[in-house]
Amino acid sequence: MHRIYPYLLRGLTISYPNHVWGIDVTYIRLKHGWMYLVAILDWYSRYIVSWELDQVSVISAVKLALVQAKPLIWNSDQGSHFTSPQYIQLLQDAGVQISMDGKGRATDNIFTERLWRSIKYEEVYLNDYISPKEARQRIGQYINFYNNERPHQSLGYKTPAEVYRSTCLMEPAVVSTYDN
């Protein structure tokens, strides 16, 4: 049986980078199938810390993110990706507090849901990806744009990277390394 963790963010003021990270998965349509896009988002700055376009797992994106930094709290929904023993153990080993949205409460993960809307309407729905390689390349370019060039009204018209790095020294987002 998969364990469900409580939602730790109700009433919490998120006040610095790496305070809370959110993770979520969405489906990306390819010309001949589907893939999972997983993103790990710093909620304070809206900076995409790590992402992966894969057919199976979220684990590699989690490992890549934890190489860069470690949040105090890690939030997800209650989906099977995020309740698996391997995923939970990885977070426990990293010493982060695990938080999970209430069942059926997408608004508990509102920042990541807003990210999906941006990625889909500004990139994915405008393209018909032929291959996983093409999808990774195009989505990677968009994520670079999102992090480093796209100002956000909620951030005082700064980019996520400007806000994230203003109080946190960090390398650029870790991206998918697959070539196929």
N, C-alpha and C. Protein backbone atom coordinates (compact mmCIF):
# COMPACT_ATOMS: atom_id res chain seq x y z
N MET A 1 0.84 -1.19 0.00
CA MET A 1 0.00 0.00 0.00
C MET A 1 0.88 1.25 0.00
N HIS A 2 0.49 2.22 -0.79
CA HIS A 2 1.25 3.45 -0.89
C HIS A 2 0.81 4.43 0.18
N ARG A 3 1.77 5.08 0.79
CA ARG A 3 1.48 6.01 1.88
C ARG A 3 1.16 7.40 1.33
N ILE A 4 0.15 8.02 1.91
CA ILE A 4 -0.22 9.39 1.58
C ILE A 4 0.25 10.29 2.73
N TYR A 5 0.89 11.39 2.39
CA TYR A 5 1.39 12.34 3.38
C TYR A 5 0.45 13.54 3.46
N PRO A 6 0.43 14.24 4.60
CA PRO A 6 -0.46 15.41 4.74
C PRO A 6 0.03 16.60 3.91
N TYR A 7 -0.88 17.49 3.63
CA TYR A 7 -0.58 18.74 2.94
C TYR A 7 -0.02 19.72 3.96
N LEU A 8 1.22 20.13 3.80
CA LEU A 8 1.92 20.96 4.79
C LEU A 8 1.89 22.45 4.47
N LEU A 9 1.28 22.84 3.36
CA LEU A 9 1.45 24.21 2.89
C LEU A 9 0.30 25.15 3.22
N ARG A 10 -0.79 24.64 3.75
CA ARG A 10 -1.94 25.50 4.06
C ARG A 10 -1.53 26.58 5.05
N GLY A 11 -1.70 27.83 4.64
CA GLY A 11 -1.37 28.96 5.50
C GLY A 11 0.11 29.30 5.57
N LEU A 12 0.95 28.55 4.87
CA LEU A 12 2.40 28.78 4.92
C LEU A 12 2.78 29.94 4.00
N THR A 13 3.59 30.85 4.49
CA THR A 13 4.16 31.90 3.66
C THR A 13 5.48 31.38 3.10
N ILE A 14 5.54 31.26 1.80
CA ILE A 14 6.76 30.78 1.13
C ILE A 14 7.63 32.00 0.88
N SER A 15 8.78 32.06 1.55
CA SER A 15 9.51 33.33 1.62
C SER A 15 10.94 33.31 1.09
N TYR A 16 11.37 32.21 0.51
CA TYR A 16 12.73 32.16 -0.03
C TYR A 16 12.86 30.99 -1.01
N PRO A 17 13.85 31.06 -1.92
CA PRO A 17 14.08 29.93 -2.82
C PRO A 17 14.43 28.67 -2.04
N ASN A 18 14.03 27.56 -2.57
CA ASN A 18 14.26 26.23 -1.99
C ASN A 18 13.49 26.01 -0.68
N HIS A 19 12.52 26.84 -0.40
CA HIS A 19 11.64 26.63 0.74
C HIS A 19 10.66 25.50 0.39
N VAL A 20 9.98 25.65 -0.77
CA VAL A 20 9.03 24.64 -1.24
C VAL A 20 9.27 24.39 -2.72
N TRP A 21 9.37 23.12 -3.06
CA TRP A 21 9.37 22.71 -4.46
C TRP A 21 8.11 21.90 -4.70
N GLY A 22 7.54 22.08 -5.89
CA GLY A 22 6.41 21.26 -6.31
C GLY A 22 6.81 20.43 -7.51
N ILE A 23 6.27 19.23 -7.58
CA ILE A 23 6.52 18.34 -8.71
C ILE A 23 5.19 17.89 -9.27
N ASP A 24 5.13 17.76 -10.58
CA ASP A 24 3.92 17.26 -11.22
C ASP A 24 4.30 16.65 -12.56
N VAL A 25 3.35 15.91 -13.09
CA VAL A 25 3.50 15.23 -14.37
C VAL A 25 2.33 15.62 -15.26
N THR A 26 2.62 15.83 -16.53
CA THR A 26 1.57 16.01 -17.52
C THR A 26 1.92 15.19 -18.75
N TYR A 27 0.95 14.95 -19.58
CA TYR A 27 1.17 14.17 -20.80
C TYR A 27 1.48 15.11 -21.95
N ILE A 28 2.43 14.70 -22.79
CA ILE A 28 2.78 15.44 -24.00
C ILE A 28 2.52 14.52 -25.19
N ARG A 29 1.71 15.01 -26.12
CA ARG A 29 1.38 14.22 -27.30
C ARG A 29 2.50 14.34 -28.33
N LEU A 30 2.89 13.20 -28.86
CA LEU A 30 3.82 13.15 -29.99
C LEU A 30 3.03 12.69 -31.20
N LYS A 31 3.63 12.76 -32.36
CA LYS A 31 2.94 12.31 -33.58
C LYS A 31 2.50 10.86 -33.45
N HIS A 32 3.32 10.03 -32.81
CA HIS A 32 3.00 8.60 -32.69
C HIS A 32 3.03 8.15 -31.23
N GLY A 33 2.31 8.83 -30.36
CA GLY A 33 2.24 8.38 -28.97
C GLY A 33 2.28 9.52 -27.98
N TRP A 34 2.59 9.16 -26.74
CA TRP A 34 2.59 10.10 -25.63
C TRP A 34 3.84 9.90 -24.78
N MET A 35 4.23 10.96 -24.08
CA MET A 35 5.31 10.87 -23.09
C MET A 35 4.90 11.68 -21.87
N TYR A 36 5.55 11.39 -20.75
CA TYR A 36 5.34 12.16 -19.53
C TYR A 36 6.33 13.32 -19.49
N LEU A 37 5.84 14.50 -19.17
CA LEU A 37 6.70 15.62 -18.85
C LEU A 37 6.60 15.85 -17.36
N VAL A 38 7.71 15.73 -16.66
CA VAL A 38 7.74 15.99 -15.22
C VAL A 38 8.55 17.27 -15.01
N ALA A 39 8.07 18.12 -14.14
CA ALA A 39 8.78 19.35 -13.81
C ALA A 39 8.82 19.52 -12.30
N ILE A 40 9.94 20.03 -11.83
CA ILE A 40 10.12 20.36 -10.42
C ILE A 40 10.31 21.87 -10.36
N LEU A 41 9.40 22.53 -9.66
CA LEU A 41 9.31 23.98 -9.67
C LEU A 41 9.54 24.55 -8.27
N ASP A 42 10.43 25.53 -8.19
CA ASP A 42 10.60 26.27 -6.93
C ASP A 42 9.43 27.24 -6.82
N TRP A 43 8.64 27.09 -5.77
CA TRP A 43 7.41 27.88 -5.66
C TRP A 43 7.65 29.36 -5.38
N TYR A 44 8.74 29.69 -4.74
CA TYR A 44 9.00 31.10 -4.44
C TYR A 44 9.30 31.89 -5.72
N SER A 45 10.16 31.33 -6.55
CA SER A 45 10.64 32.04 -7.74
C SER A 45 9.99 31.59 -9.05
N ARG A 46 9.27 30.49 -9.02
CA ARG A 46 8.68 29.84 -10.21
C ARG A 46 9.77 29.28 -11.14
N TYR A 47 10.95 29.11 -10.61
CA TYR A 47 12.08 28.58 -11.38
C TYR A 47 11.94 27.07 -11.55
N ILE A 48 12.08 26.59 -12.78
CA ILE A 48 12.04 25.15 -13.04
C ILE A 48 13.42 24.60 -12.70
N VAL A 49 13.50 23.89 -11.59
CA VAL A 49 14.76 23.38 -11.07
C VAL A 49 15.24 22.19 -11.89
N SER A 50 14.30 21.34 -12.30
CA SER A 50 14.63 20.15 -13.07
C SER A 50 13.40 19.74 -13.86
N TRP A 51 13.64 19.05 -14.97
CA TRP A 51 12.53 18.53 -15.76
C TRP A 51 13.01 17.31 -16.53
N GLU A 52 12.07 16.53 -16.99
CA GLU A 52 12.40 15.33 -17.76
C GLU A 52 11.21 14.99 -18.64
N LEU A 53 11.48 14.57 -19.84
CA LEU A 53 10.46 14.04 -20.74
C LEU A 53 10.78 12.57 -20.91
N ASP A 54 9.92 11.71 -20.40
CA ASP A 54 10.22 10.28 -20.30
C ASP A 54 8.95 9.49 -20.56
N GLN A 55 9.10 8.21 -20.71
CA GLN A 55 7.94 7.36 -20.93
C GLN A 55 7.50 6.62 -19.68
N VAL A 56 8.28 6.69 -18.61
CA VAL A 56 7.95 5.87 -17.45
C VAL A 56 7.99 6.61 -16.13
N SER A 57 9.12 7.16 -15.75
CA SER A 57 9.39 7.48 -14.35
C SER A 57 9.69 8.95 -14.11
N VAL A 58 9.50 9.37 -12.86
CA VAL A 58 9.87 10.72 -12.42
C VAL A 58 11.19 10.71 -11.65
N ILE A 59 11.71 9.54 -11.37
CA ILE A 59 12.86 9.39 -10.48
C ILE A 59 14.10 10.12 -10.98
N SER A 60 14.39 10.07 -12.28
CA SER A 60 15.61 10.72 -12.76
C SER A 60 15.53 12.23 -12.59
N ALA A 61 14.36 12.84 -12.80
CA ALA A 61 14.22 14.28 -12.59
C ALA A 61 14.42 14.64 -11.12
N VAL A 62 13.92 13.80 -10.23
CA VAL A 62 14.09 14.03 -8.79
C VAL A 62 15.57 13.97 -8.42
N LYS A 63 16.26 12.95 -8.90
CA LYS A 63 17.69 12.81 -8.60
C LYS A 63 18.48 14.00 -9.14
N LEU A 64 18.18 14.43 -10.36
CA LEU A 64 18.88 15.57 -10.94
C LEU A 64 18.64 16.85 -10.13
N ALA A 65 17.42 17.04 -9.67
CA ALA A 65 17.12 18.22 -8.86
C ALA A 65 17.88 18.21 -7.55
N LEU A 66 17.92 17.05 -6.90
CA LEU A 66 18.56 16.96 -5.59
C LEU A 66 20.08 17.08 -5.66
N VAL A 67 20.66 16.92 -6.85
CA VAL A 67 22.09 17.16 -7.03
C VAL A 67 22.37 18.66 -6.91
N GLN A 68 21.41 19.48 -7.34
CA GLN A 68 21.60 20.93 -7.36
C GLN A 68 21.35 21.59 -6.01
N ALA A 69 20.27 21.20 -5.38
CA ALA A 69 19.84 21.85 -4.13
C ALA A 69 18.84 20.94 -3.44
N LYS A 70 18.38 21.38 -2.29
CA LYS A 70 17.41 20.59 -1.54
C LYS A 70 16.39 21.53 -0.92
N PRO A 71 15.11 21.32 -1.20
CA PRO A 71 14.10 22.17 -0.57
C PRO A 71 13.83 21.72 0.86
N LEU A 72 13.21 22.60 1.62
CA LEU A 72 12.75 22.22 2.94
C LEU A 72 11.53 21.29 2.81
N ILE A 73 10.60 21.67 1.91
CA ILE A 73 9.36 20.92 1.70
C ILE A 73 9.23 20.58 0.22
N TRP A 74 8.80 19.34 -0.04
CA TRP A 74 8.60 18.84 -1.41
C TRP A 74 7.13 18.46 -1.54
N ASN A 75 6.41 19.14 -2.44
CA ASN A 75 4.97 18.92 -2.58
C ASN A 75 4.62 18.24 -3.90
N SER A 76 3.65 17.33 -3.84
CA SER A 76 3.15 16.64 -5.03
C SER A 76 1.68 16.33 -4.84
N ASP A 77 1.08 15.77 -5.89
CA ASP A 77 -0.26 15.23 -5.72
C ASP A 77 -0.14 13.81 -5.19
N GLN A 78 -1.23 13.09 -5.15
CA GLN A 78 -1.24 11.74 -4.60
C GLN A 78 -1.17 10.67 -5.69
N GLY A 79 -0.70 11.04 -6.88
CA GLY A 79 -0.61 10.09 -7.98
C GLY A 79 0.38 8.98 -7.70
N SER A 80 0.26 7.92 -8.47
CA SER A 80 1.08 6.73 -8.25
C SER A 80 2.58 7.00 -8.39
N HIS A 81 2.95 7.95 -9.24
CA HIS A 81 4.38 8.32 -9.35
C HIS A 81 4.92 8.80 -8.01
N PHE A 82 4.07 9.52 -7.26
CA PHE A 82 4.52 10.22 -6.07
C PHE A 82 4.23 9.49 -4.77
N THR A 83 3.63 8.33 -4.87
CA THR A 83 3.40 7.51 -3.68
C THR A 83 4.18 6.21 -3.75
N SER A 84 4.98 6.04 -4.81
CA SER A 84 5.75 4.81 -4.95
C SER A 84 6.83 4.74 -3.88
N PRO A 85 7.15 3.54 -3.41
CA PRO A 85 8.19 3.40 -2.38
C PRO A 85 9.54 3.98 -2.80
N GLN A 86 9.93 3.81 -4.07
CA GLN A 86 11.22 4.32 -4.55
C GLN A 86 11.27 5.86 -4.47
N TYR A 87 10.20 6.51 -4.88
CA TYR A 87 10.12 7.97 -4.83
C TYR A 87 10.17 8.47 -3.39
N ILE A 88 9.35 7.89 -2.54
CA ILE A 88 9.29 8.30 -1.13
C ILE A 88 10.65 8.11 -0.46
N GLN A 89 11.29 6.98 -0.71
CA GLN A 89 12.60 6.71 -0.10
C GLN A 89 13.64 7.72 -0.55
N LEU A 90 13.60 8.10 -1.81
CA LEU A 90 14.53 9.10 -2.34
C LEU A 90 14.39 10.43 -1.59
N LEU A 91 13.16 10.85 -1.35
CA LEU A 91 12.94 12.10 -0.62
C LEU A 91 13.31 11.97 0.85
N GLN A 92 12.98 10.85 1.44
CA GLN A 92 13.36 10.63 2.85
C GLN A 92 14.87 10.63 3.01
N ASP A 93 15.57 9.96 2.11
CA ASP A 93 17.03 9.93 2.16
C ASP A 93 17.64 11.33 2.03
N ALA A 94 16.95 12.21 1.28
CA ALA A 94 17.42 13.58 1.10
C ALA A 94 17.08 14.46 2.30
N GLY A 95 16.22 13.98 3.18
CA GLY A 95 15.87 14.73 4.37
C GLY A 95 14.88 15.86 4.16
N VAL A 96 14.07 15.78 3.10
CA VAL A 96 13.07 16.82 2.88
C VAL A 96 11.73 16.40 3.49
N GLN A 97 10.93 17.38 3.86
CA GLN A 97 9.58 17.11 4.36
C GLN A 97 8.67 16.85 3.16
N ILE A 98 7.89 15.81 3.22
CA ILE A 98 7.02 15.42 2.11
C ILE A 98 5.62 15.96 2.38
N SER A 99 5.08 16.65 1.39
CA SER A 99 3.73 17.20 1.44
C SER A 99 2.97 16.70 0.22
N MET A 100 1.70 16.38 0.40
CA MET A 100 0.87 15.94 -0.73
C MET A 100 -0.44 16.71 -0.73
N ASP A 101 -0.86 17.10 -1.94
CA ASP A 101 -2.13 17.78 -2.11
C ASP A 101 -3.26 16.91 -1.60
N GLY A 102 -4.35 17.56 -1.22
CA GLY A 102 -5.56 16.82 -0.90
C GLY A 102 -6.09 16.14 -2.16
N LYS A 103 -6.73 15.02 -2.01
CA LYS A 103 -7.25 14.27 -3.15
C LYS A 103 -8.23 15.14 -3.95
N GLY A 104 -7.96 15.24 -5.26
CA GLY A 104 -8.82 16.02 -6.13
C GLY A 104 -8.69 17.52 -5.98
N ARG A 105 -7.62 17.99 -5.37
CA ARG A 105 -7.43 19.43 -5.13
C ARG A 105 -6.27 19.98 -5.94
N ALA A 106 -6.49 20.17 -7.24
CA ALA A 106 -5.45 20.70 -8.12
C ALA A 106 -5.00 22.08 -7.67
N THR A 107 -5.87 22.83 -7.00
CA THR A 107 -5.49 24.17 -6.55
C THR A 107 -4.43 24.14 -5.45
N ASP A 108 -4.24 22.98 -4.80
CA ASP A 108 -3.16 22.85 -3.82
C ASP A 108 -1.79 22.94 -4.50
N ASN A 109 -1.73 22.69 -5.80
CA ASN A 109 -0.48 22.71 -6.56
C ASN A 109 -0.59 23.76 -7.67
N ILE A 110 -1.16 24.91 -7.33
CA ILE A 110 -1.54 25.91 -8.31
C ILE A 110 -0.37 26.44 -9.14
N PHE A 111 0.82 26.57 -8.55
CA PHE A 111 1.95 27.11 -9.30
C PHE A 111 2.39 26.17 -10.42
N THR A 112 2.39 24.88 -10.12
CA THR A 112 2.78 23.91 -11.15
C THR A 112 1.69 23.78 -12.20
N GLU A 113 0.43 23.84 -11.79
CA GLU A 113 -0.67 23.81 -12.77
C GLU A 113 -0.58 25.01 -13.70
N ARG A 114 -0.21 26.17 -13.18
CA ARG A 114 -0.04 27.36 -14.02
C ARG A 114 1.13 27.18 -14.98
N LEU A 115 2.19 26.52 -14.52
CA LEU A 115 3.32 26.22 -15.40
C LEU A 115 2.86 25.37 -16.57
N TRP A 116 2.07 24.32 -16.30
CA TRP A 116 1.58 23.46 -17.39
C TRP A 116 0.80 24.28 -18.41
N ARG A 117 -0.03 25.20 -17.94
CA ARG A 117 -0.79 26.03 -18.88
C ARG A 117 0.15 26.83 -19.77
N SER A 118 1.18 27.42 -19.18
CA SER A 118 2.14 28.20 -19.97
C SER A 118 2.85 27.32 -20.99
N ILE A 119 3.39 26.20 -20.56
CA ILE A 119 4.12 25.31 -21.47
C ILE A 119 3.22 24.83 -22.60
N LYS A 120 2.01 24.43 -22.26
CA LYS A 120 1.13 23.86 -23.29
C LYS A 120 0.65 24.92 -24.28
N TYR A 121 0.24 26.09 -23.80
CA TYR A 121 -0.30 27.10 -24.71
C TYR A 121 0.77 27.89 -25.45
N GLU A 122 1.96 27.99 -24.89
CA GLU A 122 3.02 28.76 -25.53
C GLU A 122 3.99 27.89 -26.32
N GLU A 123 3.93 26.56 -26.15
CA GLU A 123 4.86 25.67 -26.85
C GLU A 123 4.19 24.42 -27.39
N VAL A 124 3.68 23.58 -26.54
CA VAL A 124 3.25 22.23 -26.93
C VAL A 124 2.11 22.26 -27.95
N TYR A 125 1.06 23.02 -27.69
CA TYR A 125 -0.09 23.03 -28.60
C TYR A 125 0.22 23.68 -29.94
N LEU A 126 1.33 24.37 -30.04
CA LEU A 126 1.72 25.02 -31.29
C LEU A 126 2.58 24.12 -32.17
N ASN A 127 2.91 22.93 -31.68
CA ASN A 127 3.83 22.05 -32.40
C ASN A 127 3.29 20.63 -32.48
N ASP A 128 3.76 19.92 -33.48
CA ASP A 128 3.42 18.50 -33.65
C ASP A 128 4.75 17.75 -33.65
N TYR A 129 5.18 17.33 -32.46
CA TYR A 129 6.49 16.71 -32.32
C TYR A 129 6.53 15.36 -33.02
N ILE A 130 7.53 15.17 -33.85
CA ILE A 130 7.71 13.93 -34.59
C ILE A 130 8.34 12.85 -33.72
N SER A 131 9.28 13.24 -32.87
CA SER A 131 10.05 12.26 -32.10
C SER A 131 10.25 12.76 -30.67
N PRO A 132 10.60 11.85 -29.76
CA PRO A 132 10.96 12.28 -28.40
C PRO A 132 12.13 13.28 -28.41
N LYS A 133 13.10 13.05 -29.29
CA LYS A 133 14.26 13.95 -29.36
C LYS A 133 13.81 15.37 -29.71
N GLU A 134 12.93 15.49 -30.70
CA GLU A 134 12.44 16.81 -31.09
C GLU A 134 11.65 17.46 -29.95
N ALA A 135 10.80 16.68 -29.30
CA ALA A 135 10.01 17.21 -28.18
C ALA A 135 10.92 17.69 -27.06
N ARG A 136 11.94 16.91 -26.71
CA ARG A 136 12.87 17.32 -25.65
C ARG A 136 13.60 18.61 -26.02
N GLN A 137 14.03 18.68 -27.28
CA GLN A 137 14.76 19.86 -27.72
C GLN A 137 13.88 21.11 -27.65
N ARG A 138 12.68 21.03 -28.19
CA ARG A 138 11.78 22.19 -28.24
C ARG A 138 11.29 22.58 -26.84
N ILE A 139 10.92 21.59 -26.04
CA ILE A 139 10.47 21.89 -24.68
C ILE A 139 11.63 22.43 -23.85
N GLY A 140 12.83 21.89 -24.06
CA GLY A 140 14.02 22.41 -23.38
C GLY A 140 14.28 23.87 -23.72
N GLN A 141 14.11 24.22 -24.99
CA GLN A 141 14.28 25.62 -25.39
C GLN A 141 13.24 26.50 -24.71
N TYR A 142 12.01 26.00 -24.64
CA TYR A 142 10.96 26.77 -23.98
C TYR A 142 11.27 26.95 -22.48
N ILE A 143 11.70 25.88 -21.83
CA ILE A 143 12.00 25.97 -20.40
C ILE A 143 13.15 26.95 -20.15
N ASN A 144 14.14 26.96 -21.01
CA ASN A 144 15.22 27.95 -20.90
C ASN A 144 14.65 29.36 -21.03
N PHE A 145 13.77 29.56 -22.01
CA PHE A 145 13.10 30.85 -22.19
C PHE A 145 12.28 31.20 -20.95
N TYR A 146 11.50 30.25 -20.45
CA TYR A 146 10.64 30.47 -19.28
C TYR A 146 11.47 30.88 -18.06
N ASN A 147 12.56 30.18 -17.82
CA ASN A 147 13.40 30.46 -16.65
C ASN A 147 14.18 31.77 -16.78
N ASN A 148 14.71 32.04 -17.97
CA ASN A 148 15.72 33.09 -18.12
C ASN A 148 15.29 34.34 -18.87
N GLU A 149 14.18 34.27 -19.62
CA GLU A 149 13.80 35.42 -20.44
C GLU A 149 12.37 35.89 -20.23
N ARG A 150 11.50 35.05 -19.74
CA ARG A 150 10.07 35.37 -19.64
C ARG A 150 9.76 36.02 -18.29
N PRO A 151 9.54 37.34 -18.27
CA PRO A 151 9.21 37.99 -17.00
C PRO A 151 7.82 37.57 -16.52
N HIS A 152 7.64 37.55 -15.21
CA HIS A 152 6.37 37.16 -14.60
C HIS A 152 5.82 38.35 -13.83
N GLN A 153 4.57 38.67 -14.06
CA GLN A 153 3.93 39.76 -13.34
C GLN A 153 4.01 39.54 -11.83
N SER A 154 3.77 38.29 -11.40
CA SER A 154 3.77 37.98 -9.96
C SER A 154 5.16 38.11 -9.33
N LEU A 155 6.19 38.18 -10.16
CA LEU A 155 7.56 38.33 -9.66
C LEU A 155 8.07 39.76 -9.86
N GLY A 156 7.16 40.70 -10.03
CA GLY A 156 7.57 42.09 -10.26
C GLY A 156 8.24 42.27 -11.60
N TYR A 157 7.80 41.50 -12.59
CA TYR A 157 8.33 41.52 -13.96
C TYR A 157 9.80 41.11 -14.04
N LYS A 158 10.22 40.29 -13.10
CA LYS A 158 11.54 39.65 -13.17
C LYS A 158 11.34 38.24 -13.71
N THR A 159 12.43 37.63 -14.14
CA THR A 159 12.36 36.24 -14.58
C THR A 159 12.50 35.31 -13.38
N PRO A 160 12.05 34.07 -13.50
CA PRO A 160 12.26 33.12 -12.41
C PRO A 160 13.74 32.98 -12.03
N ALA A 161 14.63 32.96 -13.03
CA ALA A 161 16.06 32.82 -12.73
C ALA A 161 16.58 34.01 -11.93
N GLU A 162 16.14 35.21 -12.26
CA GLU A 162 16.58 36.40 -11.51
C GLU A 162 16.16 36.30 -10.05
N VAL A 163 14.93 35.88 -9.82
CA VAL A 163 14.43 35.79 -8.44
C VAL A 163 15.10 34.64 -7.71
N TYR A 164 15.22 33.50 -8.38
CA TYR A 164 15.83 32.33 -7.74
C TYR A 164 17.27 32.61 -7.35
N ARG A 165 18.01 33.19 -8.28
CA ARG A 165 19.44 33.42 -8.04
C ARG A 165 19.73 34.65 -7.21
N SER A 166 18.73 35.51 -7.02
CA SER A 166 18.97 36.72 -6.23
C SER A 166 19.32 36.39 -4.78
N THR A 167 18.85 35.25 -4.31
CA THR A 167 19.15 34.85 -2.94
C THR A 167 19.68 33.43 -2.86
N CYS A 168 20.01 32.86 -4.02
CA CYS A 168 20.41 31.45 -4.05
C CYS A 168 21.36 31.25 -5.21
N LEU A 169 22.58 30.85 -4.95
CA LEU A 169 23.52 30.57 -6.02
C LEU A 169 23.24 29.18 -6.57
N MET A 170 23.07 29.10 -7.89
CA MET A 170 22.67 27.82 -8.47
C MET A 170 23.04 27.79 -9.94
N GLU A 171 23.27 26.60 -10.43
CA GLU A 171 23.51 26.39 -11.85
C GLU A 171 22.17 26.44 -12.59
N PRO A 172 22.19 26.61 -13.92
CA PRO A 172 20.94 26.57 -14.69
C PRO A 172 20.21 25.24 -14.50
N ALA A 173 18.95 25.23 -14.85
CA ALA A 173 18.10 24.04 -14.67
C ALA A 173 18.73 22.82 -15.31
N VAL A 174 18.68 21.72 -14.61
CA VAL A 174 19.15 20.45 -15.14
C VAL A 174 18.09 19.96 -16.11
N VAL A 175 18.53 19.58 -17.29
CA VAL A 175 17.58 19.17 -18.32
C VAL A 175 17.82 17.74 -18.75
N SER A 176 16.90 17.24 -19.47
CA SER A 176 16.96 15.88 -19.98
C SER A 176 18.25 15.66 -20.76
N THR A 177 18.83 14.49 -20.59
CA THR A 177 20.07 14.16 -21.29
C THR A 177 19.88 13.08 -22.33
N TYR A 178 18.64 12.64 -22.53
CA TYR A 178 18.38 11.60 -23.52
C TYR A 178 18.55 12.15 -24.92
N ASP A 179 19.00 11.32 -25.85
CA ASP A 179 19.16 11.74 -27.23
C ASP A 179 18.11 11.16 -28.17
N ASN A 180 17.36 10.14 -27.75
CA ASN A 180 16.44 9.49 -28.69
C ASN A 180 15.15 10.24 -28.84
